[in-house]
């Protein structure tokens, strides 16, 4: 079963999708946030086109495990998405995914965050190629969604096919 991973942000939504067997997480780009109704509709289109049967949304907890306003927003989004899709939508602790994504991009010589016009146009264009991305900043979001989905799939594989 294909699974969609979502790294929810206020400006961009990172997306990752599994193979049809639900074993491998693959980057699926970003969605520029246009408001909840438009975002839900865009995700619904992707879910229908790709045969997704389950969704996992990153839950941004504080490092001490406490839930803040961002976590509440992610839970509300996950609930709304579940109602919109009629599919299981779960949340998964994402405390380390964005940090790991940024570290990975730095280590590969690609910055997921753009500095204020200090870099050349060629360098900015190079960063735009991250994960087939069309925008430099989307690299971190897409990679974070991919890492989140990879974690979800690994946990599900350890616990059995019917479990998250």
N, C-alpha and C. Protein backbone atom coordinates (compact mmCIF):
# COMPACT_ATOMS: atom_id res chain seq x y z
N UNK A 1 0.84 -1.18 0.00
CA UNK A 1 0.00 0.00 0.00
C UNK A 1 0.88 1.24 0.00
N UNK A 2 0.61 2.19 -0.85
CA UNK A 2 1.37 3.43 -0.93
C UNK A 2 1.02 4.32 0.25
N UNK A 3 2.05 4.96 0.80
CA UNK A 3 1.89 5.85 1.95
C UNK A 3 2.46 7.21 1.57
N UNK A 4 1.77 8.27 1.98
CA UNK A 4 2.21 9.64 1.75
C UNK A 4 2.75 10.21 3.04
N UNK A 5 3.93 10.79 3.01
CA UNK A 5 4.52 11.46 4.16
C UNK A 5 4.45 12.96 3.95
N UNK A 6 4.06 13.69 5.00
CA UNK A 6 3.88 15.14 4.91
C UNK A 6 4.67 15.83 6.01
N UNK A 7 5.53 16.77 5.60
CA UNK A 7 6.23 17.67 6.52
C UNK A 7 5.53 19.02 6.39
N UNK A 8 4.66 19.31 7.34
CA UNK A 8 3.81 20.49 7.28
C UNK A 8 4.57 21.73 7.72
N UNK A 9 4.50 22.77 6.90
CA UNK A 9 5.10 24.05 7.24
C UNK A 9 4.10 25.16 6.94
N UNK A 10 4.37 26.34 7.45
CA UNK A 10 3.44 27.44 7.22
C UNK A 10 3.51 27.96 5.79
N UNK A 11 4.67 27.84 5.14
CA UNK A 11 4.82 28.31 3.77
C UNK A 11 4.82 27.17 2.75
N UNK A 12 5.49 26.09 3.10
CA UNK A 12 5.61 24.96 2.20
C UNK A 12 5.28 23.67 2.93
N UNK A 13 4.81 22.69 2.14
CA UNK A 13 4.51 21.37 2.66
C UNK A 13 5.40 20.40 1.91
N UNK A 14 6.32 19.76 2.64
CA UNK A 14 7.18 18.76 2.04
C UNK A 14 6.42 17.47 1.86
N UNK A 15 6.65 16.80 0.74
CA UNK A 15 5.92 15.57 0.42
C UNK A 15 6.88 14.44 0.06
N UNK A 16 6.52 13.26 0.49
CA UNK A 16 7.24 12.04 0.12
C UNK A 16 6.20 10.95 -0.06
N UNK A 17 6.48 10.01 -0.94
CA UNK A 17 5.54 8.93 -1.17
C UNK A 17 6.31 7.61 -1.24
N UNK A 18 5.67 6.58 -0.78
CA UNK A 18 6.32 5.27 -0.82
C UNK A 18 6.04 4.59 -2.15
N UNK A 19 6.78 3.54 -2.40
CA UNK A 19 6.48 2.68 -3.53
C UNK A 19 5.14 1.99 -3.24
N UNK A 20 4.52 1.36 -4.23
CA UNK A 20 3.21 0.73 -4.00
C UNK A 20 3.20 -0.33 -2.90
N UNK A 21 4.34 -0.96 -2.64
CA UNK A 21 4.41 -1.97 -1.58
C UNK A 21 4.63 -1.36 -0.21
N UNK A 22 4.88 -0.06 -0.14
CA UNK A 22 5.10 0.60 1.14
C UNK A 22 6.42 0.25 1.80
N UNK A 23 7.46 0.09 0.98
CA UNK A 23 8.76 -0.28 1.54
C UNK A 23 9.80 0.82 1.43
N UNK A 24 9.73 1.65 0.39
CA UNK A 24 10.75 2.66 0.13
C UNK A 24 10.12 4.05 0.09
N UNK A 25 10.74 5.00 0.78
CA UNK A 25 10.27 6.39 0.79
C UNK A 25 10.99 7.17 -0.30
N UNK A 26 10.22 7.86 -1.13
CA UNK A 26 10.78 8.64 -2.23
C UNK A 26 10.31 10.09 -2.14
N UNK A 27 11.20 11.05 -2.41
CA UNK A 27 10.80 12.46 -2.38
C UNK A 27 9.72 12.73 -3.43
N UNK A 28 8.76 13.57 -3.08
CA UNK A 28 7.69 13.91 -4.02
C UNK A 28 7.52 15.41 -4.18
N UNK A 29 8.54 16.19 -3.79
CA UNK A 29 8.49 17.64 -4.00
C UNK A 29 7.82 18.39 -2.86
N UNK A 30 7.46 19.62 -3.16
CA UNK A 30 6.81 20.46 -2.17
C UNK A 30 5.54 21.07 -2.74
N UNK A 31 4.72 21.49 -1.85
CA UNK A 31 3.49 22.17 -2.18
C UNK A 31 3.54 23.53 -1.50
N UNK A 32 3.44 24.60 -2.26
CA UNK A 32 3.37 25.93 -1.65
C UNK A 32 2.02 26.04 -0.96
N UNK A 33 2.04 26.37 0.31
CA UNK A 33 0.79 26.45 1.06
C UNK A 33 -0.06 27.61 0.57
N UNK A 34 -1.31 27.32 0.28
CA UNK A 34 -2.26 28.32 -0.23
C UNK A 34 -3.49 28.42 0.68
N UNK A 35 -3.35 27.94 1.90
CA UNK A 35 -4.49 27.90 2.81
C UNK A 35 -5.00 26.49 2.94
N UNK A 36 -5.62 26.20 4.07
CA UNK A 36 -5.99 24.82 4.37
C UNK A 36 -6.87 24.19 3.29
N UNK A 37 -7.90 24.88 2.85
CA UNK A 37 -8.82 24.30 1.87
C UNK A 37 -8.10 23.93 0.57
N UNK A 38 -7.27 24.84 0.06
CA UNK A 38 -6.53 24.58 -1.17
C UNK A 38 -5.48 23.49 -0.95
N UNK A 39 -4.83 23.50 0.21
CA UNK A 39 -3.81 22.48 0.51
C UNK A 39 -4.45 21.09 0.57
N UNK A 40 -5.60 20.98 1.23
CA UNK A 40 -6.29 19.69 1.32
C UNK A 40 -6.70 19.20 -0.07
N UNK A 41 -7.18 20.10 -0.91
CA UNK A 41 -7.59 19.72 -2.26
C UNK A 41 -6.39 19.24 -3.08
N UNK A 42 -5.25 19.94 -2.97
CA UNK A 42 -4.06 19.55 -3.71
C UNK A 42 -3.56 18.17 -3.25
N UNK A 43 -3.58 17.95 -1.96
CA UNK A 43 -3.13 16.66 -1.42
C UNK A 43 -4.11 15.57 -1.84
N UNK A 44 -5.39 15.87 -1.84
CA UNK A 44 -6.39 14.89 -2.30
C UNK A 44 -6.11 14.47 -3.74
N UNK A 45 -5.78 15.42 -4.60
CA UNK A 45 -5.47 15.13 -6.00
C UNK A 45 -4.26 14.19 -6.09
N UNK A 46 -3.23 14.48 -5.31
CA UNK A 46 -2.03 13.63 -5.29
C UNK A 46 -2.36 12.22 -4.79
N UNK A 47 -3.14 12.14 -3.73
CA UNK A 47 -3.51 10.85 -3.14
C UNK A 47 -4.28 10.00 -4.16
N UNK A 48 -5.21 10.61 -4.84
CA UNK A 48 -5.99 9.87 -5.84
C UNK A 48 -5.13 9.44 -7.03
N UNK A 49 -4.24 10.33 -7.47
CA UNK A 49 -3.39 10.02 -8.63
C UNK A 49 -2.39 8.91 -8.32
N UNK A 50 -1.91 8.85 -7.09
CA UNK A 50 -0.86 7.90 -6.73
C UNK A 50 -1.35 6.66 -6.01
N UNK A 51 -2.64 6.54 -5.78
CA UNK A 51 -3.18 5.37 -5.11
C UNK A 51 -2.75 5.24 -3.66
N UNK A 52 -2.62 6.36 -2.99
CA UNK A 52 -2.22 6.37 -1.58
C UNK A 52 -3.34 5.81 -0.72
N UNK A 53 -2.98 4.97 0.26
CA UNK A 53 -3.97 4.37 1.14
C UNK A 53 -3.79 4.76 2.60
N UNK A 54 -2.70 5.47 2.90
CA UNK A 54 -2.43 5.90 4.27
C UNK A 54 -1.55 7.13 4.21
N UNK A 55 -1.69 8.01 5.19
CA UNK A 55 -0.91 9.25 5.24
C UNK A 55 -0.31 9.40 6.63
N UNK A 56 0.92 9.91 6.68
CA UNK A 56 1.55 10.23 7.95
C UNK A 56 2.01 11.69 7.89
N UNK A 57 1.62 12.44 8.93
CA UNK A 57 1.96 13.86 9.04
C UNK A 57 2.95 14.02 10.18
N UNK A 58 4.01 14.77 9.92
CA UNK A 58 5.01 15.03 10.95
C UNK A 58 4.43 15.83 12.11
N UNK A 59 4.74 15.42 13.31
CA UNK A 59 4.28 16.09 14.53
C UNK A 59 5.47 16.82 15.15
N UNK A 60 5.50 18.15 15.03
CA UNK A 60 6.66 18.92 15.51
C UNK A 60 6.62 19.18 17.01
N UNK A 61 7.14 18.23 17.76
CA UNK A 61 7.22 18.38 19.21
C UNK A 61 8.49 19.15 19.57
N UNK A 62 8.48 19.78 20.74
CA UNK A 62 9.69 20.42 21.25
C UNK A 62 10.68 19.32 21.62
N UNK A 63 11.95 19.68 21.73
CA UNK A 63 12.98 18.68 22.02
C UNK A 63 12.72 17.95 23.34
N UNK A 64 12.02 18.59 24.27
CA UNK A 64 11.70 17.93 25.55
C UNK A 64 10.44 17.06 25.45
N UNK A 65 9.86 16.96 24.26
CA UNK A 65 8.68 16.14 24.05
C UNK A 65 7.36 16.88 24.22
N UNK A 66 7.42 18.12 24.66
CA UNK A 66 6.22 18.91 24.88
C UNK A 66 5.61 19.36 23.54
N UNK A 67 4.30 19.33 23.46
CA UNK A 67 3.60 19.78 22.27
C UNK A 67 3.31 21.27 22.39
N UNK A 68 3.60 22.01 21.35
CA UNK A 68 3.33 23.44 21.31
C UNK A 68 2.26 23.74 20.27
N UNK A 69 2.13 25.00 19.90
CA UNK A 69 1.10 25.38 18.92
C UNK A 69 1.30 24.74 17.55
N UNK A 70 2.55 24.52 17.15
CA UNK A 70 2.80 23.88 15.86
C UNK A 70 2.30 22.44 15.86
N UNK A 71 2.48 21.74 16.98
CA UNK A 71 1.99 20.37 17.09
C UNK A 71 0.47 20.34 17.05
N UNK A 72 -0.16 21.29 17.72
CA UNK A 72 -1.63 21.38 17.69
C UNK A 72 -2.11 21.63 16.27
N UNK A 73 -1.40 22.49 15.53
CA UNK A 73 -1.77 22.77 14.14
C UNK A 73 -1.60 21.53 13.27
N UNK A 74 -0.53 20.76 13.50
CA UNK A 74 -0.30 19.54 12.73
C UNK A 74 -1.39 18.51 13.01
N UNK A 75 -1.77 18.38 14.28
CA UNK A 75 -2.85 17.44 14.61
C UNK A 75 -4.17 17.85 13.97
N UNK A 76 -4.47 19.16 14.00
CA UNK A 76 -5.71 19.66 13.40
C UNK A 76 -5.69 19.42 11.88
N UNK A 77 -4.53 19.64 11.25
CA UNK A 77 -4.40 19.40 9.82
C UNK A 77 -4.59 17.92 9.52
N UNK A 78 -3.97 17.06 10.30
CA UNK A 78 -4.10 15.61 10.10
C UNK A 78 -5.56 15.18 10.24
N UNK A 79 -6.26 15.71 11.23
CA UNK A 79 -7.68 15.38 11.41
C UNK A 79 -8.51 15.83 10.21
N UNK A 80 -8.26 17.07 9.75
CA UNK A 80 -9.00 17.60 8.59
C UNK A 80 -8.68 16.79 7.34
N UNK A 81 -7.43 16.40 7.18
CA UNK A 81 -7.03 15.61 6.02
C UNK A 81 -7.69 14.23 6.05
N UNK A 82 -7.76 13.62 7.22
CA UNK A 82 -8.43 12.33 7.36
C UNK A 82 -9.90 12.42 6.96
N UNK A 83 -10.56 13.49 7.39
CA UNK A 83 -11.97 13.68 7.01
C UNK A 83 -12.09 13.92 5.51
N UNK A 84 -11.18 14.70 4.94
CA UNK A 84 -11.21 15.01 3.50
C UNK A 84 -10.99 13.76 2.65
N UNK A 85 -10.06 12.93 3.07
CA UNK A 85 -9.67 11.77 2.26
C UNK A 85 -10.44 10.50 2.57
N UNK A 86 -10.94 10.38 3.79
CA UNK A 86 -11.56 9.13 4.20
C UNK A 86 -10.54 8.01 4.32
N UNK A 87 -9.30 8.37 4.64
CA UNK A 87 -8.22 7.41 4.80
C UNK A 87 -7.60 7.57 6.18
N UNK A 88 -6.85 6.55 6.62
CA UNK A 88 -6.13 6.70 7.88
C UNK A 88 -5.03 7.77 7.74
N UNK A 89 -5.04 8.73 8.64
CA UNK A 89 -4.00 9.77 8.69
C UNK A 89 -3.45 9.76 10.10
N UNK A 90 -2.16 9.52 10.20
CA UNK A 90 -1.51 9.43 11.50
C UNK A 90 -0.50 10.54 11.65
N UNK A 91 -0.05 10.76 12.87
CA UNK A 91 1.04 11.70 13.11
C UNK A 91 2.23 10.91 13.64
N UNK A 92 3.42 11.45 13.42
CA UNK A 92 4.65 10.81 13.88
C UNK A 92 5.61 11.91 14.32
N UNK A 93 6.21 11.72 15.47
CA UNK A 93 7.19 12.65 16.02
C UNK A 93 8.26 12.97 14.97
N UNK A 94 8.41 14.24 14.66
CA UNK A 94 9.36 14.64 13.63
C UNK A 94 10.49 15.50 14.19
N UNK A 95 10.73 15.42 15.48
CA UNK A 95 11.73 16.30 16.10
C UNK A 95 13.07 16.32 15.38
N UNK A 96 13.49 15.22 14.85
CA UNK A 96 14.83 15.17 14.29
C UNK A 96 14.86 15.24 12.77
N UNK A 97 13.73 15.16 12.09
CA UNK A 97 13.77 15.07 10.63
C UNK A 97 14.31 16.33 9.96
N UNK A 98 13.85 17.51 10.37
CA UNK A 98 14.33 18.73 9.73
C UNK A 98 15.81 18.94 10.04
N UNK A 99 16.22 18.69 11.29
CA UNK A 99 17.63 18.82 11.63
C UNK A 99 18.48 17.85 10.82
N UNK A 100 18.01 16.62 10.69
CA UNK A 100 18.75 15.62 9.92
C UNK A 100 18.78 16.01 8.44
N UNK A 101 17.69 16.54 7.93
CA UNK A 101 17.64 16.97 6.53
C UNK A 101 18.64 18.10 6.28
N UNK A 102 18.66 19.10 7.15
CA UNK A 102 19.59 20.21 6.99
C UNK A 102 21.03 19.72 7.08
N UNK A 103 21.31 18.82 8.01
CA UNK A 103 22.66 18.28 8.17
C UNK A 103 23.06 17.51 6.92
N UNK A 104 22.16 16.71 6.39
CA UNK A 104 22.45 15.93 5.19
C UNK A 104 22.75 16.84 4.01
N UNK A 105 21.95 17.88 3.85
CA UNK A 105 22.17 18.80 2.74
C UNK A 105 23.50 19.54 2.89
N UNK A 106 23.84 19.93 4.11
CA UNK A 106 25.13 20.60 4.36
C UNK A 106 26.29 19.66 4.03
N UNK A 107 26.18 18.41 4.47
CA UNK A 107 27.25 17.44 4.26
C UNK A 107 27.45 17.11 2.78
N UNK A 108 26.41 17.23 2.00
CA UNK A 108 26.53 16.97 0.56
C UNK A 108 26.84 18.23 -0.21
N UNK A 109 27.08 19.32 0.51
CA UNK A 109 27.44 20.58 -0.14
C UNK A 109 26.25 21.35 -0.67
N UNK A 110 25.08 20.98 -0.23
CA UNK A 110 23.86 21.66 -0.67
C UNK A 110 23.20 22.26 0.54
N UNK A 111 22.87 23.51 0.45
CA UNK A 111 22.22 24.17 1.57
C UNK A 111 20.73 24.20 1.34
N UNK A 112 19.98 23.74 2.28
CA UNK A 112 18.52 23.78 2.15
C UNK A 112 17.96 25.14 2.47
N UNK A 113 18.75 25.98 3.09
CA UNK A 113 18.32 27.33 3.43
C UNK A 113 19.14 28.31 2.61
N UNK A 114 18.49 29.28 2.00
CA UNK A 114 19.16 30.25 1.17
C UNK A 114 19.59 31.44 2.00
N UNK A 115 20.85 31.81 1.88
CA UNK A 115 21.34 33.00 2.56
C UNK A 115 21.01 34.21 1.72
N UNK A 116 20.91 35.35 2.34
CA UNK A 116 20.52 36.57 1.66
C UNK A 116 21.51 36.98 0.58
N UNK A 117 21.24 36.62 -0.65
CA UNK A 117 21.98 37.05 -1.82
C UNK A 117 23.49 37.09 -1.67
N UNK A 118 24.05 36.32 -0.77
CA UNK A 118 25.51 36.25 -0.65
C UNK A 118 26.08 35.26 -1.64
N UNK A 119 25.24 34.37 -2.12
CA UNK A 119 25.74 33.36 -3.05
C UNK A 119 25.45 33.79 -4.48
N UNK A 120 26.20 33.21 -5.38
CA UNK A 120 26.04 33.54 -6.79
C UNK A 120 24.76 32.94 -7.34
N UNK A 121 24.37 33.43 -8.48
CA UNK A 121 23.17 32.91 -9.15
C UNK A 121 23.37 31.43 -9.49
N UNK A 122 24.57 31.05 -9.92
CA UNK A 122 24.84 29.64 -10.26
C UNK A 122 24.70 28.75 -9.03
N UNK A 123 25.18 29.21 -7.87
CA UNK A 123 25.05 28.42 -6.64
C UNK A 123 23.59 28.28 -6.25
N UNK A 124 22.83 29.34 -6.39
CA UNK A 124 21.40 29.26 -6.06
C UNK A 124 20.71 28.28 -7.00
N UNK A 125 21.06 28.32 -8.27
CA UNK A 125 20.46 27.42 -9.25
C UNK A 125 20.83 25.97 -8.90
N UNK A 126 22.07 25.75 -8.47
CA UNK A 126 22.52 24.41 -8.08
C UNK A 126 21.69 23.88 -6.92
N UNK A 127 21.43 24.73 -5.94
CA UNK A 127 20.63 24.29 -4.79
C UNK A 127 19.21 24.00 -5.20
N UNK A 128 18.73 24.63 -6.26
CA UNK A 128 17.36 24.39 -6.72
C UNK A 128 17.19 23.00 -7.29
N UNK A 129 18.29 22.32 -7.59
CA UNK A 129 18.21 20.99 -8.16
C UNK A 129 18.03 19.90 -7.12
N UNK A 130 18.03 20.25 -5.84
CA UNK A 130 17.89 19.28 -4.76
C UNK A 130 16.59 18.51 -4.94
N UNK A 131 16.69 17.21 -4.93
CA UNK A 131 15.52 16.32 -5.00
C UNK A 131 14.59 16.68 -6.14
N UNK A 132 15.16 17.16 -7.24
CA UNK A 132 14.33 17.54 -8.38
C UNK A 132 13.50 18.77 -8.08
N UNK A 133 13.87 19.47 -7.01
CA UNK A 133 13.09 20.61 -6.56
C UNK A 133 13.11 21.76 -7.53
N UNK A 134 12.10 22.56 -7.46
CA UNK A 134 12.01 23.71 -8.31
C UNK A 134 12.36 24.98 -7.54
N UNK A 135 12.45 24.87 -6.25
CA UNK A 135 12.81 26.02 -5.43
C UNK A 135 13.85 25.60 -4.40
N UNK A 136 14.85 26.44 -4.15
CA UNK A 136 15.92 26.05 -3.24
C UNK A 136 15.45 25.67 -1.85
N UNK A 137 14.52 26.39 -1.31
CA UNK A 137 14.10 26.13 0.06
C UNK A 137 13.29 24.85 0.21
N UNK A 138 12.75 24.34 -0.84
CA UNK A 138 11.96 23.13 -0.77
C UNK A 138 12.76 21.87 -0.52
N UNK A 139 14.09 21.94 -0.70
CA UNK A 139 14.92 20.76 -0.51
C UNK A 139 14.84 20.22 0.90
N UNK A 140 14.90 21.08 1.89
CA UNK A 140 14.81 20.64 3.28
C UNK A 140 13.44 20.05 3.56
N UNK A 141 12.40 20.69 3.07
CA UNK A 141 11.03 20.22 3.33
C UNK A 141 10.79 18.84 2.73
N UNK A 142 11.24 18.65 1.49
CA UNK A 142 11.06 17.37 0.83
C UNK A 142 11.89 16.28 1.50
N UNK A 143 13.13 16.60 1.84
CA UNK A 143 13.98 15.62 2.50
C UNK A 143 13.43 15.28 3.88
N UNK A 144 12.94 16.28 4.62
CA UNK A 144 12.35 16.01 5.94
C UNK A 144 11.14 15.09 5.80
N UNK A 145 10.30 15.31 4.79
CA UNK A 145 9.14 14.44 4.57
C UNK A 145 9.60 13.02 4.22
N UNK A 146 10.67 12.91 3.45
CA UNK A 146 11.19 11.60 3.07
C UNK A 146 11.74 10.87 4.29
N UNK A 147 12.47 11.58 5.14
CA UNK A 147 13.00 10.96 6.36
C UNK A 147 11.87 10.54 7.30
N UNK A 148 10.85 11.38 7.42
CA UNK A 148 9.69 11.05 8.25
C UNK A 148 9.02 9.78 7.73
N UNK A 149 8.79 9.72 6.43
CA UNK A 149 8.14 8.55 5.84
C UNK A 149 9.02 7.31 5.97
N UNK A 150 10.32 7.47 5.80
CA UNK A 150 11.23 6.33 5.96
C UNK A 150 11.13 5.76 7.38
N UNK A 151 11.09 6.65 8.36
CA UNK A 151 10.95 6.21 9.76
C UNK A 151 9.63 5.48 9.96
N UNK A 152 8.55 6.04 9.44
CA UNK A 152 7.23 5.42 9.56
C UNK A 152 7.21 4.03 8.94
N UNK A 153 7.77 3.91 7.73
CA UNK A 153 7.78 2.61 7.05
C UNK A 153 8.63 1.59 7.80
N UNK A 154 9.75 2.02 8.35
CA UNK A 154 10.61 1.11 9.11
C UNK A 154 9.91 0.61 10.37
N UNK A 155 9.23 1.52 11.06
CA UNK A 155 8.49 1.10 12.27
C UNK A 155 7.38 0.14 11.91
N UNK A 156 6.69 0.41 10.82
CA UNK A 156 5.60 -0.46 10.40
C UNK A 156 6.12 -1.83 10.01
N UNK A 157 7.28 -1.88 9.36
CA UNK A 157 7.86 -3.15 8.95
C UNK A 157 8.25 -3.98 10.18
N UNK A 158 8.75 -3.31 11.23
CA UNK A 158 9.13 -4.03 12.46
C UNK A 158 7.92 -4.53 13.22
N UNK A 159 6.81 -3.78 13.18
CA UNK A 159 5.66 -4.15 13.99
C UNK A 159 4.66 -5.03 13.25
N UNK A 160 4.81 -5.18 11.95
CA UNK A 160 3.91 -6.03 11.19
C UNK A 160 3.10 -5.24 10.19
N UNK A 161 2.57 -5.88 9.17
CA UNK A 161 1.89 -5.20 8.07
C UNK A 161 0.62 -4.44 8.47
N UNK A 162 -0.08 -4.86 9.46
CA UNK A 162 -1.33 -4.18 9.82
C UNK A 162 -1.14 -3.03 10.79
N UNK A 163 0.08 -2.83 11.26
CA UNK A 163 0.35 -1.81 12.26
C UNK A 163 1.11 -0.64 11.66
N UNK A 164 0.97 0.56 12.25
CA UNK A 164 1.70 1.73 11.75
C UNK A 164 3.18 1.68 12.01
